[in-house]
Amino acid sequence: MGLWTFLGVIIVVGILADTYTKHQKNKLRFKGNDKRISELNEVIKNLEKRIENLEIIAVSDPDNFQDRAAGRSAYTEHEPDPAHENQRLVNDLARKKNQ
């Protein structure tokens, strides 16, 4: 075997070893991504179920949704509007985070 052939074989083996090492690293990294993707798919399924439930509620009680669209609140004094409550909670969390 000549010198150039030996150098060629060494270079090819080095490239193959480097490629294999990178492949193994990517394989380990993507395993974590697969887990995250499955978790996100589960969240999407749960959100789709919630949307279906909200659609059923909207169809079963259209007057309540029409009142809200017209600006009339369907909530009494004893029952606070959830949108205002959620906005208050978000503001509180933002203040705590900025402190």
PDB file of N, CA and C in Angstrom:
ATOM      1  N   MET A   1       0.860  -1.155   0.000  1.00  0.00           N
ATOM      2  CA  MET A   1       0.000   0.000   0.000  1.00  0.00           C
ATOM      3  C   MET A   1       0.916   1.229   0.000  1.00  0.00           C
ATOM      4  N   GLY A   2       0.576   2.172  -0.891  1.00  0.00           N
ATOM      5  CA  GLY A   2       1.413   3.349  -1.024  1.00  0.00           C
ATOM      6  C   GLY A   2       1.068   4.408   0.017  1.00  0.00           C
ATOM      7  N   LEU A   3       1.906   5.406   0.069  1.00  0.00           N
ATOM      8  CA  LEU A   3       1.733   6.488   1.028  1.00  0.00           C
ATOM      9  C   LEU A   3       0.439   7.243   0.794  1.00  0.00           C
ATOM     10  N   TRP A   4       0.137   7.554  -0.459  1.00  0.00           N
ATOM     11  CA  TRP A   4      -1.078   8.320  -0.766  1.00  0.00           C
ATOM     12  C   TRP A   4      -2.334   7.506  -0.473  1.00  0.00           C
ATOM     13  N   THR A   5      -2.298   6.245  -0.731  1.00  0.00           N
ATOM     14  CA  THR A   5      -3.436   5.378  -0.420  1.00  0.00           C
ATOM     15  C   THR A   5      -3.657   5.336   1.087  1.00  0.00           C
ATOM     16  N   PHE A   6      -2.580   5.195   1.844  1.00  0.00           N
ATOM     17  CA  PHE A   6      -2.663   5.160   3.300  1.00  0.00           C
ATOM     18  C   PHE A   6      -3.248   6.474   3.834  1.00  0.00           C
ATOM     19  N   LEU A   7      -2.773   7.607   3.320  1.00  0.00           N
ATOM     20  CA  LEU A   7      -3.304   8.909   3.744  1.00  0.00           C
ATOM     21  C   LEU A   7      -4.791   9.047   3.380  1.00  0.00           C
ATOM     22  N   GLY A   8      -5.160   8.585   2.207  1.00  0.00           N
ATOM     23  CA  GLY A   8      -6.568   8.630   1.785  1.00  0.00           C
ATOM     24  C   GLY A   8      -7.457   7.821   2.703  1.00  0.00           C
ATOM     25  N   VAL A   9      -7.005   6.620   3.066  1.00  0.00           N
ATOM     26  CA  VAL A   9      -7.777   5.754   3.961  1.00  0.00           C
ATOM     27  C   VAL A   9      -7.898   6.414   5.335  1.00  0.00           C
ATOM     28  N   ILE A  10      -6.822   6.982   5.850  1.00  0.00           N
ATOM     29  CA  ILE A  10      -6.843   7.653   7.148  1.00  0.00           C
ATOM     30  C   ILE A  10      -7.827   8.827   7.121  1.00  0.00           C
ATOM     31  N   ILE A  11      -7.819   9.607   6.063  1.00  0.00           N
ATOM     32  CA  ILE A  11      -8.722  10.763   5.954  1.00  0.00           C
ATOM     33  C   ILE A  11     -10.169  10.303   5.893  1.00  0.00           C
ATOM     34  N   VAL A  12     -10.451   9.275   5.084  1.00  0.00           N
ATOM     35  CA  VAL A  12     -11.826   8.765   4.960  1.00  0.00           C
ATOM     36  C   VAL A  12     -12.300   8.200   6.302  1.00  0.00           C
ATOM     37  N   VAL A  13     -11.451   7.451   6.994  1.00  0.00           N
ATOM     38  CA  VAL A  13     -11.830   6.896   8.295  1.00  0.00           C
ATOM     39  C   VAL A  13     -12.078   8.032   9.289  1.00  0.00           C
ATOM     40  N   GLY A  14     -11.274   9.065   9.263  1.00  0.00           N
ATOM     41  CA  GLY A  14     -11.473  10.208  10.155  1.00  0.00           C
ATOM     42  C   GLY A  14     -12.795  10.914   9.892  1.00  0.00           C
ATOM     43  N   ILE A  15     -13.122  11.109   8.611  1.00  0.00           N
ATOM     44  CA  ILE A  15     -14.390  11.751   8.240  1.00  0.00           C
ATOM     45  C   ILE A  15     -15.564  10.893   8.682  1.00  0.00           C
ATOM     46  N   LEU A  16     -15.476   9.579   8.450  1.00  0.00           N
ATOM     47  CA  LEU A  16     -16.560   8.675   8.865  1.00  0.00           C
ATOM     48  C   LEU A  16     -16.732   8.671  10.381  1.00  0.00           C
ATOM     49  N   ALA A  17     -15.641   8.673  11.119  1.00  0.00           N
ATOM     50  CA  ALA A  17     -15.720   8.685  12.587  1.00  0.00           C
ATOM     51  C   ALA A  17     -16.358   9.986  13.074  1.00  0.00           C
ATOM     52  N   ASP A  18     -15.974  11.108  12.475  1.00  0.00           N
ATOM     53  CA  ASP A  18     -16.556  12.397  12.852  1.00  0.00           C
ATOM     54  C   ASP A  18     -18.050  12.437  12.536  1.00  0.00           C
ATOM     55  N   THR A  19     -18.427  11.928  11.374  1.00  0.00           N
ATOM     56  CA  THR A  19     -19.840  11.885  10.985  1.00  0.00           C
ATOM     57  C   THR A  19     -20.639  11.010  11.947  1.00  0.00           C
ATOM     58  N   TYR A  20     -20.085   9.858  12.326  1.00  0.00           N
ATOM     59  CA  TYR A  20     -20.761   8.967  13.261  1.00  0.00           C
ATOM     60  C   TYR A  20     -20.943   9.633  14.617  1.00  0.00           C
ATOM     61  N   THR A  21     -19.922  10.325  15.092  1.00  0.00           N
ATOM     62  CA  THR A  21     -19.992  11.021  16.381  1.00  0.00           C
ATOM     63  C   THR A  21     -21.077  12.099  16.350  1.00  0.00           C
ATOM     64  N   LYS A  22     -21.114  12.882  15.279  1.00  0.00           N
ATOM     65  CA  LYS A  22     -22.144  13.925  15.155  1.00  0.00           C
ATOM     66  C   LYS A  22     -23.535  13.307  15.085  1.00  0.00           C
ATOM     67  N   HIS A  23     -23.645  12.186  14.387  1.00  0.00           N
ATOM     68  CA  HIS A  23     -24.939  11.504  14.281  1.00  0.00           C
ATOM     69  C   HIS A  23     -25.426  11.052  15.656  1.00  0.00           C
ATOM     70  N   GLN A  24     -24.534  10.501  16.464  1.00  0.00           N
ATOM     71  CA  GLN A  24     -24.903  10.043  17.806  1.00  0.00           C
ATOM     72  C   GLN A  24     -25.324  11.213  18.697  1.00  0.00           C
ATOM     73  N   LYS A  25     -24.604  12.338  18.606  1.00  0.00           N
ATOM     74  CA  LYS A  25     -24.971  13.514  19.398  1.00  0.00           C
ATOM     75  C   LYS A  25     -26.351  14.028  19.000  1.00  0.00           C
ATOM     76  N   ASN A  26     -26.606  14.111  17.695  1.00  0.00           N
ATOM     77  CA  ASN A  26     -27.913  14.574  17.224  1.00  0.00           C
ATOM     78  C   ASN A  26     -29.027  13.616  17.627  1.00  0.00           C
ATOM     79  N   LYS A  27     -28.710  12.339  17.603  1.00  0.00           N
ATOM     80  CA  LYS A  27     -29.696  11.326  17.989  1.00  0.00           C
ATOM     81  C   LYS A  27     -30.115  11.522  19.449  1.00  0.00           C
ATOM     82  N   LEU A  28     -29.143  11.773  20.331  1.00  0.00           N
ATOM     83  CA  LEU A  28     -29.453  12.008  21.746  1.00  0.00           C
ATOM     84  C   LEU A  28     -30.238  13.310  21.921  1.00  0.00           C
ATOM     85  N   ARG A  29     -29.865  14.330  21.176  1.00  0.00           N
ATOM     86  CA  ARG A  29     -30.544  15.614  21.284  1.00  0.00           C
ATOM     87  C   ARG A  29     -31.993  15.511  20.800  1.00  0.00           C
ATOM     88  N   PHE A  30     -32.220  14.763  19.734  1.00  0.00           N
ATOM     89  CA  PHE A  30     -33.569  14.651  19.193  1.00  0.00           C
ATOM     90  C   PHE A  30     -34.462  13.755  20.035  1.00  0.00           C
ATOM     91  N   LYS A  31     -33.894  12.874  20.846  1.00  0.00           N
ATOM     92  CA  LYS A  31     -34.718  12.075  21.753  1.00  0.00           C
ATOM     93  C   LYS A  31     -35.447  12.988  22.727  1.00  0.00           C
ATOM     94  N   GLY A  32     -34.755  13.999  23.223  1.00  0.00           N
ATOM     95  CA  GLY A  32     -35.382  14.979  24.105  1.00  0.00           C
ATOM     96  C   GLY A  32     -36.460  15.754  23.380  1.00  0.00           C
ATOM     97  N   ASN A  33     -36.213  16.075  22.121  1.00  0.00           N
ATOM     98  CA  ASN A  33     -37.207  16.794  21.327  1.00  0.00           C
ATOM     99  C   ASN A  33     -38.443  15.934  21.082  1.00  0.00           C
ATOM    100  N   ASP A  34     -38.248  14.631  20.879  1.00  0.00           N
ATOM    101  CA  ASP A  34     -39.380  13.735  20.669  1.00  0.00           C
ATOM    102  C   ASP A  34     -40.299  13.731  21.888  1.00  0.00           C
ATOM    103  N   LYS A  35     -39.693  13.745  23.072  1.00  0.00           N
ATOM    104  CA  LYS A  35     -40.492  13.779  24.297  1.00  0.00           C
ATOM    105  C   LYS A  35     -41.277  15.086  24.373  1.00  0.00           C
ATOM    106  N   ARG A  36     -40.615  16.191  24.067  1.00  0.00           N
ATOM    107  CA  ARG A  36     -41.267  17.505  24.098  1.00  0.00           C
ATOM    108  C   ARG A  36     -42.386  17.578  23.056  1.00  0.00           C
ATOM    109  N   ILE A  37     -42.146  17.019  21.889  1.00  0.00           N
ATOM    110  CA  ILE A  37     -43.168  17.026  20.837  1.00  0.00           C
ATOM    111  C   ILE A  37     -44.382  16.221  21.279  1.00  0.00           C
ATOM    112  N   SER A  38     -44.167  15.085  21.928  1.00  0.00           N
ATOM    113  CA  SER A  38     -45.308  14.285  22.391  1.00  0.00           C
ATOM    114  C   SER A  38     -46.086  15.032  23.473  1.00  0.00           C
ATOM    115  N   GLU A  39     -45.362  15.775  24.347  1.00  0.00           N
ATOM    116  CA  GLU A  39     -46.048  16.576  25.361  1.00  0.00           C
ATOM    117  C   GLU A  39     -46.875  17.683  24.710  1.00  0.00           C
ATOM    118  N   LEU A  40     -46.311  18.327  23.703  1.00  0.00           N
ATOM    119  CA  LEU A  40     -47.038  19.401  23.015  1.00  0.00           C
ATOM    120  C   LEU A  40     -48.241  18.853  22.253  1.00  0.00           C
ATOM    121  N   ASN A  41     -48.107  17.667  21.673  1.00  0.00           N
ATOM    122  CA  ASN A  41     -49.245  17.052  21.001  1.00  0.00           C
ATOM    123  C   ASN A  41     -50.373  16.768  21.990  1.00  0.00           C
ATOM    124  N   GLU A  42     -50.031  16.352  23.209  1.00  0.00           N
ATOM    125  CA  GLU A  42     -51.033  16.104  24.247  1.00  0.00           C
ATOM    126  C   GLU A  42     -51.730  17.410  24.636  1.00  0.00           C
ATOM    127  N   VAL A  43     -50.956  18.492  24.754  1.00  0.00           N
ATOM    128  CA  VAL A  43     -51.546  19.796  25.071  1.00  0.00           C
ATOM    129  C   VAL A  43     -52.495  20.227  23.956  1.00  0.00           C
ATOM    130  N   ILE A  44     -52.098  20.013  22.715  1.00  0.00           N
ATOM    131  CA  ILE A  44     -52.944  20.386  21.581  1.00  0.00           C
ATOM    132  C   ILE A  44     -54.249  19.598  21.611  1.00  0.00           C
ATOM    133  N   LYS A  45     -54.175  18.313  21.907  1.00  0.00           N
ATOM    134  CA  LYS A  45     -55.390  17.493  21.983  1.00  0.00           C
ATOM    135  C   LYS A  45     -56.320  18.008  23.081  1.00  0.00           C
ATOM    136  N   ASN A  46     -55.742  18.355  24.236  1.00  0.00           N
ATOM    137  CA  ASN A  46     -56.558  18.876  25.341  1.00  0.00           C
ATOM    138  C   ASN A  46     -57.212  20.205  24.954  1.00  0.00           C
ATOM    139  N   LEU A  47     -56.462  21.070  24.279  1.00  0.00           N
ATOM    140  CA  LEU A  47     -57.023  22.359  23.855  1.00  0.00           C
ATOM    141  C   LEU A  47     -58.122  22.171  22.817  1.00  0.00           C
ATOM    142  N   GLU A  48     -57.947  21.212  21.921  1.00  0.00           N
ATOM    143  CA  GLU A  48     -58.991  20.931  20.935  1.00  0.00           C
ATOM    144  C   GLU A  48     -60.271  20.460  21.621  1.00  0.00           C
ATOM    145  N   LYS A  49     -60.132  19.632  22.666  1.00  0.00           N
ATOM    146  CA  LYS A  49     -61.304  19.185  23.419  1.00  0.00           C
ATOM    147  C   LYS A  49     -61.994  20.372  24.094  1.00  0.00           C
ATOM    148  N   ARG A  50     -61.190  21.285  24.662  1.00  0.00           N
ATOM    149  CA  ARG A  50     -61.771  22.470  25.309  1.00  0.00           C
ATOM    150  C   ARG A  50     -62.507  23.340  24.305  1.00  0.00           C
ATOM    151  N   ILE A  51     -61.936  23.480  23.123  1.00  0.00           N
ATOM    152  CA  ILE A  51     -62.592  24.283  22.083  1.00  0.00           C
ATOM    153  C   ILE A  51     -63.916  23.645  21.693  1.00  0.00           C
ATOM    154  N   GLU A  52     -63.926  22.330  21.548  1.00  0.00           N
ATOM    155  CA  GLU A  52     -65.170  21.642  21.220  1.00  0.00           C
ATOM    156  C   GLU A  52     -66.213  21.874  22.306  1.00  0.00           C
ATOM    157  N   ASN A  53     -65.799  21.799  23.567  1.00  0.00           N
ATOM    158  CA  ASN A  53     -66.729  22.037  24.673  1.00  0.00           C
ATOM    159  C   ASN A  53     -67.266  23.465  24.629  1.00  0.00           C
ATOM    160  N   LEU A  54     -66.394  24.428  24.360  1.00  0.00           N
ATOM    161  CA  LEU A  54     -66.839  25.831  24.270  1.00  0.00           C
ATOM    162  C   LEU A  54     -67.801  26.041  23.102  1.00  0.00           C
ATOM    163  N   GLU A  55     -67.540  25.352  21.999  1.00  0.00           N
ATOM    164  CA  GLU A  55     -68.456  25.450  20.856  1.00  0.00           C
ATOM    165  C   GLU A  55     -69.831  24.894  21.226  1.00  0.00           C
ATOM    166  N   ILE A  56     -69.841  23.800  21.964  1.00  0.00           N
ATOM    167  CA  ILE A  56     -71.116  23.207  22.390  1.00  0.00           C
ATOM    168  C   ILE A  56     -71.855  24.168  23.313  1.00  0.00           C
ATOM    169  N   ILE A  57     -71.119  24.791  24.226  1.00  0.00           N
ATOM    170  CA  ILE A  57     -71.744  25.758  25.133  1.00  0.00           C
ATOM    171  C   ILE A  57     -72.286  26.944  24.347  1.00  0.00           C
ATOM    172  N   ALA A  58     -71.530  27.424  23.384  1.00  0.00           N
ATOM    173  CA  ALA A  58     -71.954  28.579  22.586  1.00  0.00           C
ATOM    174  C   ALA A  58     -73.213  28.253  21.796  1.00  0.00           C
ATOM    175  N   VAL A  59     -73.303  27.051  21.278  1.00  0.00           N
ATOM    176  CA  VAL A  59     -74.474  26.662  20.497  1.00  0.00           C
ATOM    177  C   VAL A  59     -75.675  26.441  21.402  1.00  0.00           C
ATOM    178  N   SER A  60     -75.441  25.909  22.591  1.00  0.00           N
ATOM    179  CA  SER A  60     -76.559  25.597  23.479  1.00  0.00           C
ATOM    180  C   SER A  60     -77.126  26.839  24.159  1.00  0.00           C
ATOM    181  N   ASP A  61     -76.356  27.918  24.315  1.00  0.00           N
ATOM    182  CA  ASP A  61     -76.815  29.123  24.991  1.00  0.00           C
ATOM    183  C   ASP A  61     -76.410  30.371  24.192  1.00  0.00           C
ATOM    184  N   PRO A  62     -76.975  30.561  22.992  1.00  0.00           N
ATOM    185  CA  PRO A  62     -76.549  31.682  22.143  1.00  0.00           C
ATOM    186  C   PRO A  62     -76.935  33.047  22.714  1.00  0.00           C
ATOM    187  N   ASP A  63     -77.998  33.129  23.516  1.00  0.00           N
ATOM    188  CA  ASP A  63     -78.406  34.418  24.068  1.00  0.00           C
ATOM    189  C   ASP A  63     -77.330  35.004  24.967  1.00  0.00           C
ATOM    190  N   ASN A  64     -76.691  34.159  25.763  1.00  0.00           N
ATOM    191  CA  ASN A  64     -75.631  34.616  26.652  1.00  0.00           C
ATOM    192  C   ASN A  64     -74.482  35.222  25.848  1.00  0.00           C
ATOM    193  N   PHE A  65     -74.121  34.602  24.734  1.00  0.00           N
ATOM    194  CA  PHE A  65     -73.031  35.119  23.905  1.00  0.00           C
ATOM    195  C   PHE A  65     -73.459  36.387  23.180  1.00  0.00           C
ATOM    196  N   GLN A  66     -74.723  36.496  22.802  1.00  0.00           N
ATOM    197  CA  GLN A  66     -75.189  37.715  22.145  1.00  0.00           C
ATOM    198  C   GLN A  66     -75.159  38.887  23.120  1.00  0.00           C
ATOM    199  N   ASP A  67     -75.506  38.637  24.392  1.00  0.00           N
ATOM    200  CA  ASP A  67     -75.441  39.694  25.406  1.00  0.00           C
ATOM    201  C   ASP A  67     -74.019  40.207  25.554  1.00  0.00           C
ATOM    202  N   ARG A  68     -73.058  39.323  25.587  1.00  0.00           N
ATOM    203  CA  ARG A  68     -71.659  39.733  25.721  1.00  0.00           C
ATOM    204  C   ARG A  68     -71.197  40.519  24.502  1.00  0.00           C
ATOM    205  N   ALA A  69     -71.625  40.099  23.329  1.00  0.00           N
ATOM    206  CA  ALA A  69     -71.215  40.791  22.107  1.00  0.00           C
ATOM    207  C   ALA A  69     -71.787  42.201  22.067  1.00  0.00           C
ATOM    208  N   ALA A  70     -72.958  42.386  22.630  1.00  0.00           N
ATOM    209  CA  ALA A  70     -73.600  43.703  22.631  1.00  0.00           C
ATOM    210  C   ALA A  70     -73.045  44.592  23.738  1.00  0.00           C
ATOM    211  N   GLY A  71     -72.152  44.060  24.559  1.00  0.00           N
ATOM    212  CA  GLY A  71     -71.556  44.863  25.621  1.00  0.00           C
ATOM    213  C   GLY A  71     -72.276  44.757  26.941  1.00  0.00           C
ATOM    214  N   ARG A  72     -73.304  43.972  26.998  1.00  0.00           N
ATOM    215  CA  ARG A  72     -74.021  43.772  28.253  1.00  0.00           C
ATOM    216  C   ARG A  72     -73.391  42.596  28.975  1.00  0.00           C
ATOM    217  N   SER A  73     -73.061  42.793  30.176  1.00  0.00           N
ATOM    218  CA  SER A  73     -72.424  41.737  30.946  1.00  0.00           C
ATOM    219  C   SER A  73     -73.469  40.764  31.464  1.00  0.00           C
ATOM    220  N   ALA A  74     -73.161  39.488  31.352  1.00  0.00           N
ATOM    221  CA  ALA A  74     -74.051  38.453  31.861  1.00  0.00           C
ATOM    222  C   ALA A  74     -73.739  38.130  33.320  1.00  0.00           C
ATOM    223  N   TYR A  75     -72.771  38.836  33.899  1.00  0.00           N
ATOM    224  CA  TYR A  75     -72.351  38.560  35.265  1.00  0.00           C
ATOM    225  C   TYR A  75     -73.012  39.544  36.223  1.00  0.00           C
ATOM    226  N   THR A  76     -73.361  39.031  37.375  1.00  0.00           N
ATOM    227  CA  THR A  76     -73.985  39.857  38.396  1.00  0.00           C
ATOM    228  C   THR A  76     -72.913  40.458  39.282  1.00  0.00           C
ATOM    229  N   GLU A  77     -73.344  41.233  40.267  1.00  0.00           N
ATOM    230  CA  GLU A  77     -72.390  41.838  41.193  1.00  0.00           C
ATOM    231  C   GLU A  77     -71.667  40.778  42.016  1.00  0.00           C
ATOM    232  N   HIS A  78     -72.346  39.676  42.279  1.00  0.00           N
ATOM    233  CA  HIS A  78     -71.759  38.621  43.106  1.00  0.00           C
ATOM    234  C   HIS A  78     -70.807  37.744  42.312  1.00  0.00           C
ATOM    235  N   GLU A  79     -70.932  37.766  41.016  1.00  0.00           N
ATOM    236  CA  GLU A  79     -70.099  36.925  40.157  1.00  0.00           C
ATOM    237  C   GLU A  79     -69.242  37.834  39.272  1.00  0.00           C
ATOM    238  N   PRO A  80     -67.949  37.981  39.588  1.00  0.00           N
ATOM    239  CA  PRO A  80     -67.109  38.897  38.805  1.00  0.00           C
ATOM    240  C   PRO A  80     -66.867  38.375  37.390  1.00  0.00           C
ATOM    241  N   ASP A  81     -66.617  39.292  36.489  1.00  0.00           N
ATOM    242  CA  ASP A  81     -66.327  38.941  35.102  1.00  0.00           C
ATOM    243  C   ASP A  81     -64.966  38.239  35.056  1.00  0.00           C
ATOM    244  N   PRO A  82     -64.887  37.027  34.510  1.00  0.00           N
ATOM    245  CA  PRO A  82     -63.609  36.305  34.489  1.00  0.00           C
ATOM    246  C   PRO A  82     -62.520  37.038  33.703  1.00  0.00           C
ATOM    247  N   ALA A  83     -62.897  37.792  32.691  1.00  0.00           N
ATOM    248  CA  ALA A  83     -61.899  38.514  31.900  1.00  0.00           C
ATOM    249  C   ALA A  83     -61.195  39.553  32.771  1.00  0.00           C
ATOM    250  N   HIS A  84     -61.959  40.256  33.597  1.00  0.00           N
ATOM    251  CA  HIS A  84     -61.354  41.245  34.487  1.00  0.00           C
ATOM    252  C   HIS A  84     -60.490  40.577  35.551  1.00  0.00           C
ATOM    253  N   GLU A  85     -60.960  39.450  36.060  1.00  0.00           N
ATOM    254  CA  GLU A  85     -60.204  38.711  37.062  1.00  0.00           C
ATOM    255  C   GLU A  85     -58.883  38.198  36.465  1.00  0.00           C
ATOM    256  N   ASN A  86     -58.945  37.668  35.247  1.00  0.00           N
ATOM    257  CA  ASN A  86     -57.733  37.188  34.591  1.00  0.00           C
ATOM    258  C   ASN A  86     -56.760  38.337  34.335  1.00  0.00           C
ATOM    259  N   GLN A  87     -57.280  39.481  33.907  1.00  0.00           N
ATOM    260  CA  GLN A  87     -56.418  40.639  33.660  1.00  0.00           C
ATOM    261  C   GLN A  87     -55.742  41.091  34.957  1.00  0.00           C
ATOM    262  N   ARG A  88     -56.481  41.065  36.060  1.00  0.00           N
ATOM    263  CA  ARG A  88     -55.914  41.438  37.343  1.00  0.00           C
ATOM    264  C   ARG A  88     -54.798  40.471  37.742  1.00  0.00           C
ATOM    265  N   LEU A  89     -55.033  39.177  37.545  1.00  0.00           N
ATOM    266  CA  LEU A  89     -54.011  38.181  37.877  1.00  0.00           C
ATOM    267  C   LEU A  89     -52.753  38.361  37.035  1.00  0.00           C
ATOM    268  N   VAL A  90     -52.929  38.641  35.753  1.00  0.00           N
ATOM    269  CA  VAL A  90     -51.783  38.862  34.875  1.00  0.00           C
ATOM    270  C   VAL A  90     -51.005  40.090  35.323  1.00  0.00           C
ATOM    271  N   ASN A  91     -51.711  41.153  35.668  1.00  0.00           N
ATOM    272  CA  ASN A  91     -51.038  42.363  36.146  1.00  0.00           C
ATOM    273  C   ASN A  91     -50.275  42.107  37.439  1.00  0.00           C
ATOM    274  N   ASP A  92     -50.866  41.343  38.349  1.00  0.00           N
ATOM    275  CA  ASP A  92     -50.189  41.007  39.603  1.00  0.00           C
ATOM    276  C   ASP A  92     -48.912  40.204  39.345  1.00  0.00           C
ATOM    277  N   LEU A  93     -49.012  39.226  38.454  1.00  0.00           N
ATOM    278  CA  LEU A  93     -47.831  38.412  38.125  1.00  0.00           C
ATOM    279  C   LEU A  93     -46.742  39.257  37.481  1.00  0.00           C
ATOM    280  N   ALA A  94     -47.143  40.196  36.623  1.00  0.00           N
ATOM    281  CA  ALA A  94     -46.144  41.052  35.971  1.00  0.00           C
ATOM    282  C   ALA A  94     -45.445  41.947  36.986  1.00  0.00           C
ATOM    283  N   ARG A  95     -46.216  42.478  37.953  1.00  0.00           N
ATOM    284  CA  ARG A  95     -45.604  43.309  38.990  1.00  0.00           C
ATOM    285  C   ARG A  95     -44.620  42.508  39.837  1.00  0.00           C
ATOM    286  N   LYS A  96     -44.999  41.271  40.192  1.00  0.00           N
ATOM    287  CA  LYS A  96     -44.118  40.427  41.000  1.00  0.00           C
ATOM    288  C   LYS A  96     -42.836  40.094  40.234  1.00  0.00           C
ATOM    289  N   LYS A  97     -42.961  39.859  38.949  1.00  0.00           N
ATOM    290  CA  LYS A  97     -41.807  39.505  38.134  1.00  0.00           C
ATOM    291  C   LYS A  97     -40.859  40.685  37.986  1.00  0.00           C
ATOM    292  N   ASN A  98     -41.388  41.884  37.890  1.00  0.00           N
ATOM    293  CA  ASN A  98     -40.565  43.078  37.708  1.00  0.00           C
ATOM    294  C   ASN A  98     -39.911  43.545  38.999  1.00  0.00           C
ATOM    295  N   GLN A  99     -40.376  43.074  40.138  1.00  0.00           N
ATOM    296  CA  GLN A  99     -39.803  43.509  41.426  1.00  0.00           C
ATOM    297  C   GLN A  99     -38.517  42.800  41.723  1.00  0.00           C
TER     298      GLN A  99
END
